[in-house]
Amino acid sequence: MAVGDAPTGIRNIYQQRSRWSKGAFQILWRKPSENPFMAKGLTIYQRMLYVCGLYSYFADFVSTPVLFSIPILAIWLKVFPYIITKTLVITLTVMAFTTKLTGIYANNLKNMMLM
């Protein structure tokens, strides 16, 4: 368990994720001798994890305002933004399943590295 301060409010969460994303990309654009992605001795999997980390910061930075705005727009406009179809249900199920598997894999990988 960890103790720390977490941002409260949508604006603060968005600002935090934005800072994290900018910082990760600033590290990526450093000269090769200071760039952790270009460090010698990294395996292809470690490099892939670094790129996935960058992607997750960027995706979170972009998706947070979108995900918060959809319910608000649906209420204001009295329009449901999409029609629930069999394809949508299957897609969301596959996405939830793969997200869960990725989390399980990441936790197992982290635990193996601590050994």
Protein backbone atom coordinates (compact mmCIF):
# COMPACT_ATOMS: atom_id res chain seq x y z
CA MET A 1 0.00 0.00 0.00
CA ALA A 2 1.15 3.50 -0.72
CA VAL A 3 0.20 6.77 0.88
CA GLY A 4 0.14 9.97 -1.13
CA ASP A 5 -1.86 12.87 -2.36
CA ALA A 6 -4.23 12.32 -5.25
CA PRO A 7 -5.72 15.16 -7.23
CA THR A 8 -9.34 16.00 -6.56
CA GLY A 9 -11.60 17.26 -9.27
CA ILE A 10 -11.67 16.69 -12.98
CA ARG A 11 -9.52 19.70 -13.82
CA ASN A 12 -6.72 18.66 -11.42
CA ILE A 13 -6.75 15.07 -12.70
CA TYR A 14 -6.53 16.34 -16.28
CA GLN A 15 -3.65 18.66 -15.42
CA GLN A 16 -1.76 15.86 -13.67
CA ARG A 17 -2.14 13.46 -16.61
CA SER A 18 -1.13 16.25 -18.97
CA ARG A 19 2.09 16.89 -16.99
CA TRP A 20 2.89 13.17 -16.93
CA SER A 21 2.37 12.90 -20.67
CA LYS A 22 4.50 15.96 -21.44
CA GLY A 23 7.28 14.70 -19.15
CA ALA A 24 7.33 11.26 -20.76
CA PHE A 25 7.59 12.76 -24.24
CA GLN A 26 10.28 15.21 -23.11
CA ILE A 27 12.36 12.26 -21.93
CA LEU A 28 11.84 10.53 -25.28
CA TRP A 29 13.13 13.55 -27.24
CA ARG A 30 16.39 13.85 -25.27
CA LYS A 31 19.65 13.15 -27.02
CA PRO A 32 20.31 9.40 -27.39
CA SER A 33 22.90 9.27 -24.59
CA GLU A 34 20.28 10.52 -22.07
CA ASN A 35 17.27 8.69 -23.50
CA PRO A 36 16.23 5.58 -21.51
CA PHE A 37 14.60 4.09 -24.61
CA MET A 38 17.96 4.07 -26.38
CA ALA A 39 19.91 2.68 -23.40
CA LYS A 40 22.19 -0.25 -24.12
CA GLY A 41 21.24 -3.61 -22.70
CA LEU A 42 17.46 -3.22 -22.95
CA THR A 43 15.54 -6.13 -24.41
CA ILE A 44 12.93 -5.64 -27.11
CA TYR A 45 10.22 -6.24 -24.50
CA GLN A 46 11.57 -3.48 -22.26
CA ARG A 47 11.61 -1.10 -25.20
CA MET A 48 8.03 -2.09 -26.07
CA LEU A 49 6.93 -1.46 -22.48
CA TYR A 50 8.48 2.01 -22.60
CA VAL A 51 6.59 2.83 -25.80
CA CYS A 52 3.37 1.43 -24.30
CA GLY A 53 3.89 3.68 -21.29
CA LEU A 54 4.21 6.72 -23.56
CA TYR A 55 1.13 5.68 -25.47
CA SER A 56 -0.89 5.19 -22.28
CA TYR A 57 -0.03 8.69 -21.02
CA PHE A 58 -1.01 10.22 -24.34
CA ALA A 59 -4.22 8.17 -24.62
CA ASP A 60 -5.19 9.06 -21.05
CA PHE A 61 -4.47 12.75 -21.68
CA VAL A 62 -6.66 12.76 -24.78
CA SER A 63 -9.45 10.45 -23.59
CA THR A 64 -10.11 11.95 -20.15
CA PRO A 65 -12.00 15.03 -21.36
CA VAL A 66 -13.82 12.99 -24.00
CA LEU A 67 -14.99 10.37 -21.51
CA PHE A 68 -16.20 13.02 -19.08
CA SER A 69 -18.03 14.97 -21.78
CA ILE A 70 -20.06 12.11 -23.31
CA PRO A 71 -22.55 11.71 -20.42
CA ILE A 72 -22.91 15.47 -20.05
CA LEU A 73 -23.64 15.90 -23.75
CA ALA A 74 -26.08 12.98 -23.70
CA ILE A 75 -28.02 14.63 -20.87
CA TRP A 76 -27.98 18.13 -22.38
CA LEU A 77 -28.85 17.04 -25.91
CA LYS A 78 -31.15 14.18 -24.79
CA VAL A 79 -29.38 11.91 -27.25
CA PHE A 80 -27.67 8.62 -26.51
CA PRO A 81 -24.34 8.83 -28.39
CA TYR A 82 -24.45 5.33 -29.86
CA ILE A 83 -26.82 2.46 -30.51
CA ILE A 84 -26.17 -0.71 -28.59
CA THR A 85 -25.62 -3.44 -31.17
CA LYS A 86 -24.22 -6.93 -31.00
CA THR A 87 -20.95 -5.66 -32.50
CA LEU A 88 -20.62 -2.97 -29.82
CA VAL A 89 -21.25 -5.46 -27.01
CA ILE A 90 -18.68 -7.90 -28.41
CA THR A 91 -16.13 -5.11 -28.93
CA LEU A 92 -16.53 -3.76 -25.39
CA THR A 93 -16.34 -7.30 -23.95
CA VAL A 94 -13.12 -8.04 -25.83
CA MET A 95 -11.67 -4.68 -24.78
CA ALA A 96 -12.52 -5.29 -21.10
CA PHE A 97 -11.10 -8.83 -21.25
CA THR A 98 -7.82 -7.78 -22.89
CA THR A 99 -7.45 -4.85 -20.49
CA LYS A 100 -7.85 -7.23 -17.55
CA LEU A 101 -5.33 -9.69 -19.03
CA THR A 102 -2.84 -6.89 -19.62
CA GLY A 103 -3.18 -5.80 -15.98
CA ILE A 104 -2.66 -9.36 -14.74
CA TYR A 105 0.39 -9.77 -17.00
CA ALA A 106 1.87 -6.44 -15.90
CA ASN A 107 1.45 -7.33 -12.21
CA ASN A 108 3.05 -10.74 -12.72
CA LEU A 109 5.93 -9.17 -14.65
CA LYS A 110 6.43 -6.57 -11.91
CA ASN A 111 6.45 -9.30 -9.25
CA MET A 112 8.98 -11.33 -11.24
CA MET A 113 11.29 -8.32 -11.52
CA LEU A 114 11.19 -7.79 -7.75
CA MET A 115 12.50 -11.31 -7.12
